[in-house]
Amino acid sequence: MCGNSMSAPLPAIVPAARKATAAVIFLHGLGDTGHGWAEAFADIRSPHIKYICPHAPITPVTLNMNMAMPSWFDIIGLSPDSQEDEPGIIQASENIKALIDQEVKNGIPSNRIIVGGFSQGGALSLYTALTTNQKLAGVLALSCWLPLRANLTQAAAGTSVNKDIPVIQCHGDCDPLVPPMFAALTVEKLKTLINPANIQYKVYSGMTHSSCPQEMADIKQFIEKHLPTTN
């Protein structure tokens, strides 16, 4: 038996229908697991892409009265000036970078890997893409925000391997948990860190803190554009 009892279970995976030449690593939101998102990606899959949906470890969350639940890092509050769990976010980001490295060892180059996530998972995917030295193919940022934004400077981003990374940021205009204003602030900050021409920002009318068929269609199009088949 490897590891300890606290280690998270193996990710939910939608395997490629043929040899995998690209991958999507997608991180679920607070209190969720990777299973639901794996099912969602199975509906929009491309045959040459492997979809990896890891499960967050179960840990107490300050925002939810210290109840233990799947969480990538602690959340103290949900306002732009709330204190953030800097050590937890950095450690979680390192874990995602290790997952990317594992896929590179499996034969998929990092520039054929898209990272993404929903809500807390989307926040972590954005932070990871902006701080890694692995050149990535893109980011799916759904109903989320940019964590530790004060740590992310234009100077550091200018030398980043991902300064031209394509990002699709999606948000519902009726989101009660992560207000649309957060999304707008995130887009403005991202424009100072990466090439603004490569940022798509999509707002879905009537969508709450969830997903919708149009959003999934837009995600499918983004993935197919940035992870095309290779001959």
Protein backbone atom coordinates (compact mmCIF):
# COMPACT_ATOMS: atom_id res chain seq x y z
CA MET A 1 0.00 0.00 0.00
CA CYS A 2 1.57 3.25 -1.14
CA GLY A 3 0.96 6.67 0.36
CA ASN A 4 -1.13 7.33 3.45
CA SER A 5 -4.84 7.21 4.18
CA MET A 6 -5.11 10.97 3.58
CA SER A 7 -4.08 10.73 -0.08
CA ALA A 8 -6.83 11.58 -2.56
CA PRO A 9 -8.30 8.79 -4.70
CA LEU A 10 -7.11 8.34 -8.27
CA PRO A 11 -8.55 10.85 -10.78
CA ALA A 12 -11.64 10.18 -12.85
CA ILE A 13 -10.36 9.68 -16.40
CA VAL A 14 -12.02 9.71 -19.81
CA PRO A 15 -9.43 7.86 -21.91
CA ALA A 16 -8.69 8.81 -25.49
CA ALA A 17 -10.51 6.61 -28.02
CA ARG A 18 -7.18 6.10 -29.80
CA LYS A 19 -3.59 7.01 -28.91
CA ALA A 20 -3.70 10.09 -26.66
CA THR A 21 -1.73 12.97 -28.19
CA ALA A 22 -3.21 15.66 -25.91
CA ALA A 23 -4.81 16.01 -22.48
CA VAL A 24 -7.21 18.18 -20.50
CA ILE A 25 -6.67 18.34 -16.72
CA PHE A 26 -9.83 19.75 -15.13
CA LEU A 27 -10.31 20.61 -11.44
CA HIS A 28 -13.74 20.48 -9.81
CA GLY A 29 -15.22 23.03 -7.40
CA LEU A 30 -15.43 23.07 -3.60
CA GLY A 31 -17.24 20.07 -2.10
CA ASP A 32 -17.44 18.20 -5.41
CA THR A 33 -15.49 15.34 -7.04
CA GLY A 34 -14.07 14.83 -10.50
CA HIS A 35 -16.75 12.31 -11.54
CA GLY A 36 -19.42 14.77 -12.71
CA TRP A 37 -16.97 16.71 -14.84
CA ALA A 38 -15.55 13.51 -16.33
CA GLU A 39 -19.10 12.66 -17.46
CA ALA A 40 -19.51 16.16 -18.92
CA PHE A 41 -16.26 15.84 -20.89
CA ALA A 42 -17.26 12.37 -22.10
CA ASP A 43 -20.16 14.09 -23.88
CA ILE A 44 -17.88 16.52 -25.77
CA ARG A 45 -14.77 14.35 -26.10
CA SER A 46 -12.35 14.31 -29.02
CA PRO A 47 -10.89 10.86 -29.80
CA HIS A 48 -7.22 11.88 -29.47
CA ILE A 49 -7.60 13.64 -26.09
CA LYS A 50 -7.40 12.16 -22.59
CA TYR A 51 -9.50 13.98 -19.95
CA ILE A 52 -8.22 13.85 -16.37
CA CYS A 53 -10.49 15.02 -13.53
CA PRO A 54 -8.68 14.69 -10.18
CA HIS A 55 -10.42 14.68 -6.81
CA ALA A 56 -9.43 17.25 -4.18
CA PRO A 57 -8.35 16.01 -0.73
CA ILE A 58 -10.91 16.22 2.07
CA THR A 59 -9.98 19.03 4.43
CA PRO A 60 -11.71 21.52 6.79
CA VAL A 61 -12.92 24.72 5.08
CA THR A 62 -13.04 27.92 7.15
CA LEU A 63 -15.84 29.44 5.01
CA ASN A 64 -18.09 26.44 5.76
CA MET A 65 -17.67 26.47 9.56
CA ASN A 66 -14.60 24.21 9.34
CA MET A 67 -16.61 21.33 7.89
CA ALA A 68 -14.38 18.80 6.12
CA MET A 69 -15.07 18.46 2.40
CA PRO A 70 -13.18 18.06 -0.88
CA SER A 71 -11.19 21.28 -1.25
CA TRP A 72 -8.04 22.21 -3.15
CA PHE A 73 -7.14 24.84 -0.52
CA ASP A 74 -8.83 26.65 2.36
CA ILE A 75 -11.32 29.41 1.56
CA ILE A 76 -11.64 32.04 4.30
CA GLY A 77 -14.11 34.38 2.57
CA LEU A 78 -15.62 35.22 -0.81
CA SER A 79 -15.00 38.94 -1.17
CA PRO A 80 -12.14 40.47 -3.21
CA ASP A 81 -10.34 41.59 -0.04
CA SER A 82 -10.76 38.32 1.91
CA GLN A 83 -7.67 36.74 3.42
CA GLU A 84 -6.34 33.90 1.23
CA ASP A 85 -4.72 30.56 2.06
CA GLU A 86 -1.41 31.34 0.37
CA PRO A 87 0.51 28.21 1.52
CA GLY A 88 -2.45 25.98 0.58
CA ILE A 89 -2.84 27.54 -2.88
CA ILE A 90 0.89 27.26 -3.61
CA GLN A 91 1.01 23.62 -2.44
CA ALA A 92 -2.10 22.71 -4.45
CA SER A 93 -0.54 24.35 -7.51
CA GLU A 94 2.62 22.28 -7.06
CA ASN A 95 0.45 19.14 -6.95
CA ILE A 96 -1.17 20.09 -10.28
CA LYS A 97 2.27 20.79 -11.80
CA ALA A 98 3.29 17.27 -10.70
CA LEU A 99 0.19 15.90 -12.45
CA ILE A 100 1.22 17.76 -15.64
CA ASP A 101 4.74 16.31 -15.30
CA GLN A 102 3.24 12.82 -15.02
CA GLU A 103 1.42 13.27 -18.34
CA VAL A 104 4.64 14.55 -19.94
CA LYS A 105 6.33 11.34 -18.73
CA ASN A 106 3.42 9.43 -20.30
CA GLY A 107 4.36 10.97 -23.65
CA ILE A 108 2.09 14.03 -23.92
CA PRO A 109 4.11 17.28 -24.24
CA SER A 110 3.04 20.04 -21.86
CA ASN A 111 2.16 22.32 -24.80
CA ARG A 112 -0.51 19.72 -25.70
CA ILE A 113 -2.12 19.98 -22.24
CA ILE A 114 -4.97 22.32 -21.31
CA VAL A 115 -5.60 22.94 -17.61
CA GLY A 116 -8.91 24.18 -16.32
CA GLY A 117 -11.46 24.07 -13.58
CA PHE A 118 -14.73 25.23 -12.13
CA SER A 119 -14.95 27.76 -9.27
CA GLN A 120 -12.19 26.92 -6.75
CA GLY A 121 -10.72 24.51 -9.31
CA GLY A 122 -10.74 27.23 -11.98
CA ALA A 123 -8.96 29.59 -9.61
CA LEU A 124 -6.27 26.98 -9.01
CA SER A 125 -5.87 26.27 -12.75
CA LEU A 126 -5.36 29.98 -13.51
CA TYR A 127 -2.78 30.35 -10.73
CA THR A 128 -0.97 27.19 -11.88
CA ALA A 129 -0.79 28.32 -15.53
CA LEU A 130 0.59 31.71 -14.50
CA THR A 131 3.27 30.32 -12.16
CA THR A 132 4.49 27.14 -13.86
CA ASN A 133 7.56 26.82 -16.09
CA GLN A 134 5.64 24.25 -18.16
CA LYS A 135 4.41 25.69 -21.47
CA LEU A 136 0.69 24.84 -21.64
CA ALA A 137 -1.87 24.82 -24.46
CA GLY A 138 -4.59 26.83 -22.71
CA VAL A 139 -6.80 27.41 -19.66
CA LEU A 140 -10.52 26.75 -19.10
CA ALA A 141 -11.54 29.20 -16.33
CA LEU A 142 -15.18 28.56 -15.40
CA SER A 143 -17.13 30.58 -12.78
CA CYS A 144 -13.90 31.44 -10.99
CA TRP A 145 -11.48 34.13 -9.87
CA LEU A 146 -7.72 34.75 -9.84
CA PRO A 147 -6.20 33.88 -6.44
CA LEU A 148 -3.16 35.59 -4.89
CA ARG A 149 -3.45 38.26 -7.58
CA ALA A 150 -1.21 40.66 -5.64
CA ASN A 151 1.61 38.10 -6.00
CA LEU A 152 1.23 37.97 -9.78
CA THR A 153 3.13 40.87 -11.30
CA GLN A 154 3.43 42.11 -14.84
CA ALA A 155 7.22 41.82 -14.60
CA ALA A 156 7.12 38.14 -13.67
CA ALA A 157 4.42 37.43 -16.25
CA GLY A 158 6.49 39.09 -18.98
CA THR A 159 9.12 36.35 -18.66
CA SER A 160 6.57 33.56 -18.20
CA VAL A 161 6.51 30.69 -20.71
CA ASN A 162 2.72 31.15 -20.72
CA LYS A 163 2.56 34.90 -21.41
CA ASP A 164 0.71 34.15 -24.69
CA ILE A 165 -1.46 31.34 -23.33
CA PRO A 166 -5.05 31.18 -24.65
CA VAL A 167 -7.68 31.50 -21.90
CA ILE A 168 -11.43 31.05 -22.09
CA GLN A 169 -13.13 32.56 -19.06
CA CYS A 170 -16.83 31.77 -18.65
CA HIS A 171 -19.29 33.08 -16.05
CA GLY A 172 -23.03 33.19 -15.41
CA ASP A 173 -24.56 36.65 -15.03
CA CYS A 174 -26.74 35.32 -12.17
CA ASP A 175 -23.94 33.68 -10.15
CA PRO A 176 -24.72 34.28 -6.44
CA LEU A 177 -21.54 32.64 -5.09
CA VAL A 178 -18.78 34.10 -7.26
CA PRO A 179 -20.33 37.39 -8.41
CA PRO A 180 -19.85 38.39 -12.07
CA MET A 181 -17.89 41.42 -10.83
CA PHE A 182 -15.15 39.00 -9.71
CA ALA A 183 -14.98 37.61 -13.23
CA ALA A 184 -14.70 41.11 -14.71
CA LEU A 185 -11.90 42.01 -12.25
CA THR A 186 -10.13 38.74 -13.10
CA VAL A 187 -10.26 39.45 -16.84
CA GLU A 188 -8.83 42.95 -16.31
CA LYS A 189 -5.97 41.56 -14.19
CA LEU A 190 -5.30 38.75 -16.70
CA LYS A 191 -4.99 41.34 -19.48
CA THR A 192 -2.01 42.82 -17.64
CA LEU A 193 -0.35 39.40 -17.21
CA ILE A 194 -0.86 37.66 -20.57
CA ASN A 195 -1.53 38.67 -24.16
CA PRO A 196 -5.05 40.25 -24.03
CA ALA A 197 -5.74 39.10 -27.60
CA ASN A 198 -5.71 35.49 -26.36
CA ILE A 199 -8.37 35.97 -23.67
CA GLN A 200 -11.97 35.05 -24.48
CA TYR A 201 -14.51 36.24 -21.91
CA LYS A 202 -18.00 34.79 -22.17
CA VAL A 203 -21.00 35.64 -19.98
CA TYR A 204 -24.09 33.42 -20.07
CA SER A 205 -27.49 34.99 -19.50
CA GLY A 206 -29.46 33.43 -16.66
CA MET A 207 -26.69 31.02 -15.62
CA THR A 208 -26.04 30.70 -11.88
CA HIS A 209 -22.98 29.03 -10.26
CA SER A 210 -23.13 26.13 -12.68
CA SER A 211 -22.68 25.22 -16.32
CA CYS A 212 -24.97 25.23 -19.36
CA PRO A 213 -25.08 23.56 -22.81
CA GLN A 214 -23.84 26.70 -24.62
CA GLU A 215 -20.86 26.94 -22.27
CA MET A 216 -19.98 23.28 -22.89
CA ALA A 217 -20.23 23.88 -26.66
CA ASP A 218 -17.86 26.87 -26.32
CA ILE A 219 -15.44 24.76 -24.25
CA LYS A 220 -15.51 22.01 -26.87
CA GLN A 221 -14.70 24.54 -29.61
CA PHE A 222 -11.84 26.02 -27.54
CA ILE A 223 -10.35 22.56 -26.85
CA GLU A 224 -10.60 21.50 -30.50
CA LYS A 225 -8.93 24.73 -31.64
CA HIS A 226 -6.00 24.53 -29.21
CA LEU A 227 -5.55 20.73 -29.14
CA PRO A 228 -6.02 19.80 -32.80
CA THR A 229 -5.34 16.29 -34.05
CA THR A 230 -1.76 15.56 -35.07
CA ASN A 231 -0.99 13.42 -38.08
